[in-house]
Amino acid sequence: MSRVIFLTHPTVGHLNSLLTIALKMRENGHDVHFIVPGSNLADPRIKMFKVLYNGKIVPDKIRSHDIPIHLLFPPLPYIYLAALLPSKVGFEETRTALRLFSSGIENFTRRVNRVVKKLRPDMIVADFFFYAAPLVAELNALPYAAIYHCGLPFSGKDAPPFGSGLPASHRDTPLKRIFREKEQELSDRLKTSVNRARQAFSLKPIAFDMLKTPHSPWLNLLITHEAIDIPRHGLGLNTVYVGPTFMNMGMNRFSFPYCDLRDDKYKIYVSLGTVFNDKPKTYLKIIRALHENPDYQIIVSAGGAYETVSKMSHNFNIMIFQSVPQAELLKRVDLVVSHGGNNTLNETLYYGKPVVVLPVGGEQHDNASRIEFLGLGCRIDIDSLDNETLCSTIERLRNNTEVKLRLKDVSSKLMKSDGAITSVNLIEWVMENRKPFTRNRDLPLTIPKEMIGQYLHS
């Protein structure tokens, strides 16, 4: 049995993939632990101080699976930036998020290193934003895998600058050049922060762009599929797409009233995810735009907005829940109205459903551009959301044969992958062989589940 330490910041979206992989590894007999910045001090019912709220919710979710967790109370700059983040929009949100995740690298390295010295793991698996992970791995001569939830940070001919939300296109425009400069400023600042921490531990400075380049020399896993990404440059041979992972794939299918779903209706699923969902006005705007169409059945996962939204009077064709078994439900709906988070998009496209993306924050604006570029859905900015725009967009997707064919093709490709099992196989191979994984150049960048043996023995 091997011991593996997982590192992640307290964000639910980034946790899901790592937790799914950790649970699979435990099934295979490995001893898994998590290290997370967080606190036991916060009351999860009080959401106004988001960093402490997430710092309690994320650890609690890990504990619910009986996985040992080691909490690191965040340094003050980390808490300050996390408190500031919800007030930022657009590129300023990206800038603040990167400042948050790159703050306290030296502090986290020192404290994580103490846990590693005590537990003596065989490998580290870390969210790519946990920038202390490669330092700790190097200090202890440990292999580590970096987990990327999408390819958005990486460059590509058609890829917009990271965090810009600009349309995906190879065309050069003045606005694109401005955001390229801003993106480079972020990259330079990140490299400076990382190298300052490396110097403190007598490690050689890095010369590569840590934001736009997969940064583990051992193994980099993209928990999505090449078929639903914009082509990326310079990923290297130790980087692969493994396909999506699903946290609730095995949920009891009787935990949701599936019998109430109407076969004679066009079923629309509405969700704003797990982080940015406390937006009752946006939910009500969507519901009011759609509820008068008797041909629709609307299933709403309202999250933090549930208490407000559920108290309102709604037509018979509206079903409102605080949460739903999303992956299982997506099999049964016809279209999704979503915030555009990585997990929701992976699951939606896995089942071949068209998506209307209403980006709220985080990576969602870039994801909305990606979906439009690939022709798998449409984007509507929240400020432009009105009844006519939403209804006409849904009907356009509903009746578009080309979109349906593209979605069918994408779904077929995604269903040939298994992100969790493939990730575990690769991590186990690196641990057993104690050397970096290198993909054969003749093999696809995305690993189909039935071909994993060829990648490990080529």
Protein backbone atom coordinates (compact mmCIF):
# COMPACT_ATOMS: atom_id res chain seq x y z
CA MET A 1 0.00 0.00 0.00
CA SER A 2 1.26 3.47 -0.91
CA ARG A 3 0.48 6.76 0.80
CA VAL A 4 -0.62 9.74 -1.29
CA ILE A 5 -1.13 13.31 -0.10
CA PHE A 6 -3.62 15.52 -1.99
CA LEU A 7 -3.31 19.30 -1.80
CA THR A 8 -6.00 21.77 -2.78
CA HIS A 9 -7.26 25.24 -1.94
CA PRO A 10 -10.73 25.43 -0.33
CA THR A 11 -12.76 25.67 -3.54
CA VAL A 12 -15.52 23.13 -4.14
CA GLY A 13 -15.10 23.07 -7.91
CA HIS A 14 -11.38 22.25 -7.69
CA LEU A 15 -11.92 19.76 -4.88
CA ASN A 16 -14.32 17.50 -6.78
CA SER A 17 -11.81 16.03 -9.23
CA LEU A 18 -9.13 15.49 -6.58
CA LEU A 19 -11.61 13.92 -4.18
CA THR A 20 -12.93 11.57 -6.87
CA ILE A 21 -9.37 10.45 -7.68
CA ALA A 22 -8.55 10.08 -3.98
CA LEU A 23 -11.59 7.86 -3.39
CA LYS A 24 -10.62 5.65 -6.35
CA MET A 25 -7.10 5.35 -4.98
CA ARG A 26 -8.47 4.36 -1.59
CA GLU A 27 -10.56 1.68 -3.29
CA ASN A 28 -7.29 0.35 -4.70
CA GLY A 29 -5.87 0.04 -1.20
CA HIS A 30 -3.84 3.25 -0.95
CA ASP A 31 -3.71 5.45 2.14
CA VAL A 32 -4.89 8.94 1.12
CA HIS A 33 -4.67 12.22 3.03
CA PHE A 34 -5.67 15.80 2.22
CA ILE A 35 -3.94 19.06 3.13
CA VAL A 36 -6.21 22.11 2.77
CA PRO A 37 -6.01 25.74 3.94
CA GLY A 38 -9.05 26.17 6.15
CA SER A 39 -10.52 26.52 9.61
CA ASN A 40 -12.90 24.80 11.98
CA LEU A 41 -13.92 28.20 13.36
CA ALA A 42 -16.51 29.21 10.77
CA ASP A 43 -20.22 28.51 10.97
CA PRO A 44 -21.16 27.15 7.49
CA ARG A 45 -24.53 28.89 7.74
CA ILE A 46 -22.79 32.29 7.72
CA LYS A 47 -21.68 32.99 4.17
CA MET A 48 -20.73 36.64 4.36
CA PHE A 49 -17.05 35.84 5.01
CA LYS A 50 -16.54 33.55 2.05
CA VAL A 51 -12.99 32.40 2.77
CA LEU A 52 -13.89 31.02 6.21
CA TYR A 53 -17.14 29.58 4.84
CA ASN A 54 -15.32 27.64 2.10
CA GLY A 55 -12.53 26.86 4.55
CA LYS A 56 -15.11 24.94 6.60
CA ILE A 57 -17.32 23.46 3.86
CA VAL A 58 -14.46 21.94 1.82
CA PRO A 59 -12.81 20.16 4.77
CA ASP A 60 -16.22 18.92 5.94
CA LYS A 61 -16.86 17.43 2.50
CA ILE A 62 -13.54 15.57 2.67
CA ARG A 63 -14.24 14.37 6.22
CA SER A 64 -17.65 13.05 5.14
CA HIS A 65 -15.74 10.39 3.20
CA ASP A 66 -13.62 9.48 6.25
CA ILE A 67 -10.42 10.79 4.67
CA PRO A 68 -7.83 12.22 7.08
CA ILE A 69 -7.39 15.95 6.58
CA HIS A 70 -4.67 18.32 7.78
CA LEU A 71 -5.90 21.91 8.03
CA LEU A 72 -3.57 24.85 7.56
CA PHE A 73 -4.98 28.09 8.95
CA PRO A 74 -4.30 30.57 6.11
CA PRO A 75 -1.85 33.46 6.54
CA LEU A 76 -3.41 36.93 6.79
CA PRO A 77 -2.65 38.04 3.18
CA TYR A 78 -4.43 34.89 1.96
CA ILE A 79 -7.49 35.65 4.09
CA TYR A 80 -7.52 39.29 2.94
CA LEU A 81 -7.35 38.38 -0.76
CA ALA A 82 -9.98 35.64 -0.39
CA ALA A 83 -12.31 38.14 1.28
CA LEU A 84 -11.63 40.63 -1.53
CA LEU A 85 -12.19 38.15 -4.38
CA PRO A 86 -16.04 38.08 -4.42
CA SER A 87 -16.12 41.85 -5.05
CA LYS A 88 -13.99 41.58 -8.20
CA VAL A 89 -15.27 41.05 -11.74
CA GLY A 90 -13.73 40.35 -15.13
CA PHE A 91 -9.97 40.32 -15.44
CA GLU A 92 -9.59 41.91 -11.99
CA GLU A 93 -11.14 38.74 -10.57
CA THR A 94 -8.53 36.64 -12.39
CA ARG A 95 -5.74 38.93 -11.17
CA THR A 96 -6.98 38.75 -7.56
CA ALA A 97 -7.47 34.97 -7.71
CA LEU A 98 -3.90 34.45 -8.92
CA ARG A 99 -2.59 36.78 -6.20
CA LEU A 100 -4.58 34.72 -3.68
CA PHE A 101 -3.30 31.33 -4.86
CA SER A 102 0.29 32.56 -5.10
CA SER A 103 0.28 34.26 -1.69
CA GLY A 104 1.96 32.57 1.24
CA ILE A 105 3.91 30.07 -0.91
CA GLU A 106 6.83 30.10 1.51
CA ASN A 107 4.48 29.80 4.49
CA PHE A 108 2.55 26.89 2.97
CA THR A 109 5.74 25.15 1.80
CA ARG A 110 7.17 25.17 5.30
CA ARG A 111 3.99 23.89 6.94
CA VAL A 112 3.15 21.29 4.27
CA ASN A 113 6.74 20.11 4.45
CA ARG A 114 6.32 19.38 8.15
CA VAL A 115 3.27 17.21 7.43
CA VAL A 116 5.12 15.43 4.62
CA LYS A 117 8.10 14.73 6.89
CA LYS A 118 5.71 13.17 9.41
CA LEU A 119 3.56 11.13 6.99
CA ARG A 120 6.34 10.19 4.54
CA PRO A 121 4.08 9.79 1.47
CA ASP A 122 5.05 8.09 -1.76
CA MET A 123 3.57 10.84 -3.95
CA ILE A 124 1.91 14.25 -3.92
CA VAL A 125 -1.15 15.04 -6.06
CA ALA A 126 -2.01 18.73 -6.14
CA ASP A 127 -4.37 21.22 -7.70
CA PHE A 128 -2.28 23.22 -10.18
CA PHE A 129 -3.02 26.42 -8.24
CA PHE A 130 -1.35 25.02 -5.09
CA TYR A 131 2.05 26.50 -5.90
CA ALA A 132 3.75 25.17 -2.75
CA ALA A 133 3.29 21.58 -3.99
CA PRO A 134 6.22 21.45 -6.47
CA LEU A 135 8.55 22.96 -3.85
CA VAL A 136 7.58 20.39 -1.23
CA ALA A 137 7.91 17.58 -3.75
CA GLU A 138 11.36 18.77 -4.80
CA LEU A 139 12.55 19.22 -1.21
CA ASN A 140 11.58 15.62 -0.45
CA ALA A 141 12.53 14.07 -3.81
CA LEU A 142 8.90 13.00 -4.29
CA PRO A 143 7.01 12.59 -7.57
CA TYR A 144 3.95 14.77 -7.90
CA ALA A 145 1.03 15.11 -10.29
CA ALA A 146 -0.49 18.49 -11.12
CA ILE A 147 -4.25 18.39 -11.68
CA TYR A 148 -5.68 20.85 -14.23
CA HIS A 149 -9.46 21.06 -14.42
CA CYS A 150 -9.35 22.53 -17.92
CA GLY A 151 -6.85 23.78 -20.49
CA LEU A 152 -7.75 27.47 -20.14
CA PRO A 153 -4.38 28.76 -18.84
CA PHE A 154 -2.48 27.27 -21.80
CA SER A 155 -1.74 29.09 -25.05
CA GLY A 156 -3.20 28.22 -28.44
CA LYS A 157 -3.64 29.81 -31.84
CA ASP A 158 -7.35 30.47 -31.20
CA ALA A 159 -7.21 30.67 -27.40
CA PRO A 160 -8.05 34.06 -25.87
CA PRO A 161 -5.80 35.44 -23.11
CA PHE A 162 -6.46 33.66 -19.83
CA GLY A 163 -9.16 35.41 -17.81
CA SER A 164 -10.09 37.85 -20.56
CA GLY A 165 -13.40 36.26 -21.57
CA LEU A 166 -12.74 37.41 -25.15
CA PRO A 167 -14.08 35.32 -28.06
CA ALA A 168 -11.86 32.45 -29.17
CA SER A 169 -10.31 33.39 -32.50
CA HIS A 170 -6.94 33.46 -34.27
CA ARG A 171 -7.55 37.10 -35.24
CA ASP A 172 -5.30 39.65 -33.57
CA THR A 173 -7.15 42.71 -32.26
CA PRO A 174 -6.10 45.73 -30.17
CA LEU A 175 -8.18 44.44 -27.25
CA LYS A 176 -6.57 41.02 -27.50
CA ARG A 177 -3.10 42.59 -27.42
CA ILE A 178 -4.02 44.57 -24.31
CA PHE A 179 -5.12 41.40 -22.52
CA ARG A 180 -2.03 39.54 -23.73
CA GLU A 181 0.04 42.18 -21.96
CA LYS A 182 -2.08 41.83 -18.82
CA GLU A 183 -1.75 38.05 -18.99
CA GLN A 184 2.03 38.36 -19.28
CA GLU A 185 2.09 40.63 -16.23
CA LEU A 186 0.30 37.90 -14.28
CA SER A 187 2.79 35.31 -15.51
CA ASP A 188 5.78 37.45 -14.57
CA ARG A 189 4.37 38.22 -11.12
CA LEU A 190 3.67 34.53 -10.50
CA LYS A 191 7.20 33.54 -11.53
CA THR A 192 8.63 36.19 -9.20
CA SER A 193 6.53 34.92 -6.26
CA VAL A 194 7.48 31.30 -6.90
CA ASN A 195 11.18 32.06 -7.32
CA ARG A 196 11.24 34.15 -4.15
CA ALA A 197 9.89 31.15 -2.26
CA ARG A 198 12.29 28.78 -4.03
CA GLN A 199 15.22 30.97 -3.04
CA ALA A 200 14.13 30.78 0.60
CA PHE A 201 14.51 26.99 0.41
CA SER A 202 17.76 27.08 -1.61
CA LEU A 203 16.07 25.71 -4.73
CA LYS A 204 17.10 26.78 -8.22
CA PRO A 205 14.81 29.39 -9.83
CA ILE A 206 12.42 28.33 -12.58
CA ALA A 207 12.81 29.86 -16.03
CA PHE A 208 9.56 28.69 -17.67
CA ASP A 209 6.15 30.37 -17.61
CA MET A 210 4.42 28.61 -14.73
CA LEU A 211 0.98 29.97 -15.61
CA LYS A 212 0.88 28.92 -19.26
CA THR A 213 3.01 25.76 -19.06
CA PRO A 214 2.12 22.47 -17.29
CA HIS A 215 4.47 22.67 -14.34
CA SER A 216 5.02 19.14 -13.05
CA PRO A 217 8.05 17.36 -14.57
CA TRP A 218 6.44 14.06 -13.49
CA LEU A 219 2.79 14.09 -14.60
CA ASN A 220 0.18 16.70 -15.59
CA LEU A 221 -3.44 15.58 -15.84
CA LEU A 222 -6.14 17.62 -17.61
CA ILE A 223 -9.47 16.44 -16.20
CA THR A 224 -11.38 17.08 -19.40
CA HIS A 225 -11.25 15.98 -23.03
CA GLU A 226 -9.41 17.36 -26.01
CA ALA A 227 -12.68 17.23 -28.00
CA ILE A 228 -14.19 19.98 -25.82
CA ASP A 229 -11.12 22.21 -25.61
CA ILE A 230 -9.53 24.76 -27.90
CA PRO A 231 -6.27 23.31 -29.31
CA ARG A 232 -3.36 24.19 -27.00
CA HIS A 233 0.38 24.64 -27.64
CA GLY A 234 3.39 23.29 -25.78
CA LEU A 235 1.73 20.80 -23.46
CA GLY A 236 4.68 18.40 -23.51
CA LEU A 237 4.82 14.61 -23.39
CA ASN A 238 4.15 14.29 -19.65
CA THR A 239 0.78 16.03 -20.05
CA VAL A 240 -2.42 14.22 -21.09
CA TYR A 241 -6.15 14.73 -21.18
CA VAL A 242 -7.83 11.94 -19.19
CA GLY A 243 -11.52 12.85 -19.54
CA PRO A 244 -14.01 14.16 -16.97
CA THR A 245 -14.58 12.84 -13.46
CA PHE A 246 -18.00 12.74 -11.79
CA MET A 247 -18.58 12.96 -8.05
CA ASN A 248 -22.23 11.91 -7.98
CA MET A 249 -22.27 9.36 -10.82
CA GLY A 250 -23.18 6.61 -8.37
CA MET A 251 -25.92 8.45 -6.45
CA ASN A 252 -29.12 6.62 -5.65
CA ARG A 253 -31.33 7.32 -8.60
CA PHE A 254 -34.41 7.33 -6.31
CA SER A 255 -33.12 10.36 -4.39
CA PHE A 256 -34.69 12.57 -7.06
CA PRO A 257 -38.34 12.41 -8.27
CA TYR A 258 -37.49 11.28 -11.79
CA CYS A 259 -41.04 10.05 -12.24
CA ASP A 260 -42.17 13.71 -12.30
CA LEU A 261 -40.14 14.45 -15.42
CA ARG A 262 -42.43 14.71 -18.44
CA ASP A 263 -41.64 12.84 -21.63
CA ASP A 264 -43.90 15.19 -23.59
CA LYS A 265 -42.03 18.33 -22.48
CA TYR A 266 -38.73 19.92 -23.51
CA LYS A 267 -36.84 19.64 -20.24
CA ILE A 268 -34.48 22.51 -19.35
CA TYR A 269 -32.09 22.19 -16.43
CA VAL A 270 -30.98 25.44 -14.75
CA SER A 271 -27.96 25.66 -12.44
CA LEU A 272 -25.46 28.33 -11.43
CA GLY A 273 -23.10 25.81 -9.83
CA THR A 274 -21.82 25.42 -6.27
CA VAL A 275 -19.87 28.66 -5.74
CA PHE A 276 -21.72 31.52 -7.44
CA ASN A 277 -25.26 30.23 -6.96
CA ASP A 278 -26.55 32.66 -4.33
CA LYS A 279 -28.20 34.80 -7.00
CA PRO A 280 -31.99 34.69 -6.57
CA LYS A 281 -32.56 37.59 -8.96
CA THR A 282 -30.80 35.76 -11.80
CA TYR A 283 -32.70 32.54 -11.11
CA LEU A 284 -36.02 34.37 -11.04
CA LYS A 285 -35.15 36.18 -14.26
CA ILE A 286 -34.50 32.84 -15.98
CA ILE A 287 -37.67 31.26 -14.57
CA ARG A 288 -39.85 34.21 -15.61
CA ALA A 289 -38.42 34.09 -19.12
CA LEU A 290 -39.29 30.41 -19.55
CA HIS A 291 -42.29 29.59 -17.38
CA GLU A 292 -44.98 30.78 -19.80
CA ASN A 293 -43.99 28.30 -22.50
CA PRO A 294 -46.23 25.25 -21.86
CA ASP A 295 -43.89 23.10 -23.94
CA TYR A 296 -41.10 23.50 -21.38
CA GLN A 297 -40.46 21.78 -18.07
CA ILE A 298 -37.90 23.69 -15.99
CA ILE A 299 -35.78 21.90 -13.36
CA VAL A 300 -33.88 24.38 -11.16
CA SER A 301 -30.98 23.59 -8.83
CA ALA A 302 -31.02 26.82 -6.83
CA GLY A 303 -28.26 26.23 -4.27
CA GLY A 304 -27.80 29.25 -2.03
CA ALA A 305 -30.78 30.99 -3.67
CA TYR A 306 -33.19 28.16 -2.85
CA GLU A 307 -34.84 29.75 0.20
CA THR A 308 -35.75 32.90 -1.73
CA VAL A 309 -36.65 31.29 -5.06
CA SER A 310 -38.75 28.47 -3.60
CA LYS A 311 -40.98 30.90 -1.68
CA MET A 312 -42.13 32.58 -4.88
CA SER A 313 -45.25 31.44 -6.72
CA HIS A 314 -44.38 29.52 -9.89
CA ASN A 315 -46.23 27.79 -12.73
CA PHE A 316 -46.86 24.04 -12.64
CA ASN A 317 -44.00 23.39 -15.09
CA ILE A 318 -41.31 24.63 -12.66
CA MET A 319 -39.47 22.20 -10.34
CA ILE A 320 -37.16 23.83 -7.78
CA PHE A 321 -34.57 22.05 -5.62
CA GLN A 322 -31.70 23.14 -3.41
CA SER A 323 -29.47 20.53 -5.05
CA VAL A 324 -29.87 17.60 -7.44
CA PRO A 325 -27.90 14.50 -8.49
CA GLN A 326 -26.65 16.45 -11.48
CA ALA A 327 -24.80 13.82 -13.52
CA GLU A 328 -27.75 11.41 -13.28
CA LEU A 329 -30.30 14.14 -14.05
CA LEU A 330 -28.43 15.33 -17.12
CA LYS A 331 -29.19 12.03 -18.86
CA ARG A 332 -32.87 12.93 -18.77
CA VAL A 333 -32.98 16.62 -19.74
CA ASP A 334 -32.82 18.21 -23.19
CA LEU A 335 -30.90 21.45 -22.62
CA VAL A 336 -28.90 23.11 -19.86
CA VAL A 337 -28.79 26.76 -18.78
CA SER A 338 -25.58 27.03 -16.79
CA HIS A 339 -22.99 29.36 -15.30
CA GLY A 340 -20.32 27.53 -17.32
CA GLY A 341 -18.22 25.96 -14.56
CA ASN A 342 -15.78 23.24 -15.59
CA ASN A 343 -17.54 20.39 -13.80
CA THR A 344 -21.01 21.25 -15.12
CA LEU A 345 -19.77 21.69 -18.69
CA ASN A 346 -17.90 18.39 -18.61
CA GLU A 347 -20.99 16.57 -17.37
CA THR A 348 -23.36 18.37 -19.78
CA LEU A 349 -21.25 17.62 -22.85
CA TYR A 350 -20.61 14.05 -21.68
CA TYR A 351 -24.34 13.47 -22.14
CA GLY A 352 -24.47 15.47 -25.36
CA LYS A 353 -26.74 18.27 -24.18
CA PRO A 354 -26.64 21.80 -25.65
CA VAL A 355 -25.80 24.52 -23.18
CA VAL A 356 -26.65 28.19 -22.77
CA VAL A 357 -23.81 29.68 -20.73
CA LEU A 358 -24.53 32.63 -18.43
CA PRO A 359 -21.03 33.29 -17.04
CA VAL A 360 -20.95 34.69 -13.52
CA GLY A 361 -17.29 34.61 -12.49
CA GLY A 362 -14.10 32.59 -12.29
CA GLU A 363 -13.21 30.61 -15.41
CA GLN A 364 -16.77 30.83 -16.72
CA HIS A 365 -16.30 33.72 -19.18
CA ASP A 366 -13.44 31.89 -20.88
CA ASN A 367 -15.51 28.69 -20.88
CA ALA A 368 -18.40 30.53 -22.51
CA SER A 369 -16.05 31.63 -25.31
CA ARG A 370 -14.82 28.04 -25.66
CA ILE A 371 -18.36 26.64 -25.97
CA GLU A 372 -19.30 29.14 -28.68
CA PHE A 373 -16.04 28.50 -30.56
CA LEU A 374 -16.73 24.76 -30.58
CA GLY A 375 -20.34 25.25 -31.65
CA LEU A 376 -21.76 23.31 -28.69
CA GLY A 377 -23.92 26.07 -27.25
CA CYS A 378 -24.39 29.79 -26.88
CA ARG A 379 -23.28 32.52 -24.52
CA ILE A 380 -25.48 35.18 -22.96
CA ASP A 381 -23.89 37.70 -20.60
CA ILE A 382 -25.94 38.31 -17.45
CA ASP A 383 -26.30 42.01 -18.28
CA SER A 384 -27.85 41.06 -21.64
CA LEU A 385 -30.26 38.49 -20.22
CA ASP A 386 -33.90 39.14 -21.05
CA ASN A 387 -36.92 37.01 -21.92
CA GLU A 388 -36.62 37.31 -25.68
CA THR A 389 -32.87 36.68 -25.82
CA LEU A 390 -33.02 33.57 -23.64
CA CYS A 391 -36.08 32.05 -25.31
CA SER A 392 -34.83 32.67 -28.84
CA THR A 393 -31.41 31.24 -27.97
CA ILE A 394 -32.95 28.07 -26.55
CA GLU A 395 -35.19 27.58 -29.58
CA ARG A 396 -32.25 28.15 -31.92
CA LEU A 397 -30.24 25.44 -30.19
CA ARG A 398 -33.25 23.16 -29.97
CA ASN A 399 -33.75 23.20 -33.72
CA ASN A 400 -30.13 23.26 -34.88
CA THR A 401 -29.28 19.94 -36.54
CA GLU A 402 -25.56 20.75 -36.87
CA VAL A 403 -25.25 21.44 -33.13
CA LYS A 404 -26.99 18.14 -32.38
CA LEU A 405 -24.56 16.23 -34.59
CA ARG A 406 -21.54 17.92 -32.99
CA LEU A 407 -22.89 17.15 -29.52
CA LYS A 408 -23.47 13.51 -30.44
CA ASP A 409 -19.89 13.21 -31.69
CA VAL A 410 -18.45 14.93 -28.59
CA SER A 411 -20.55 12.77 -26.26
CA SER A 412 -19.33 9.61 -27.98
CA LYS A 413 -15.70 10.66 -27.52
CA LEU A 414 -16.15 11.65 -23.86
CA MET A 415 -17.87 8.37 -23.04
CA LYS A 416 -14.76 6.52 -24.24
CA SER A 417 -12.78 8.19 -21.44
CA ASP A 418 -12.79 7.74 -17.67
CA GLY A 419 -10.97 10.56 -15.93
CA ALA A 420 -10.85 9.03 -12.46
CA ILE A 421 -9.66 5.52 -13.38
CA THR A 422 -7.17 6.79 -15.97
CA SER A 423 -5.75 9.33 -13.49
CA VAL A 424 -5.33 6.64 -10.84
CA ASN A 425 -3.57 4.30 -13.30
CA LEU A 426 -1.11 7.03 -14.28
CA ILE A 427 -0.45 8.09 -10.68
CA GLU A 428 0.13 4.48 -9.66
CA TRP A 429 2.53 3.98 -12.60
CA VAL A 430 4.59 7.03 -11.57
CA MET A 431 4.72 5.86 -7.93
CA GLU A 432 5.71 2.32 -8.87
CA ASN A 433 8.35 3.30 -11.43
CA ARG A 434 9.62 6.43 -9.65
CA LYS A 435 10.10 8.20 -12.95
CA PRO A 436 8.15 10.75 -15.02
CA PHE A 437 5.37 9.53 -17.28
CA THR A 438 6.12 10.20 -20.96
CA ARG A 439 3.46 9.80 -23.63
CA ASN A 440 4.40 8.08 -26.88
CA ARG A 441 4.20 10.76 -29.57
CA ASP A 442 2.17 8.42 -31.79
CA LEU A 443 -0.63 8.11 -29.24
CA PRO A 444 -3.52 10.61 -28.91
CA LEU A 445 -3.30 13.44 -26.40
CA THR A 446 -6.55 12.24 -24.78
CA ILE A 447 -6.40 8.74 -23.29
CA PRO A 448 -9.39 6.47 -24.09
CA LYS A 449 -10.08 4.16 -21.15
CA GLU A 450 -9.51 1.00 -23.19
CA MET A 451 -6.06 2.23 -24.32
CA ILE A 452 -4.50 3.04 -20.94
CA GLY A 453 -2.30 -0.07 -21.16
CA GLN A 454 -0.73 1.14 -24.39
CA TYR A 455 0.22 4.46 -22.77
CA LEU A 456 1.79 2.77 -19.76
CA HIS A 457 3.79 0.18 -21.71
CA SER A 458 4.76 2.04 -24.88
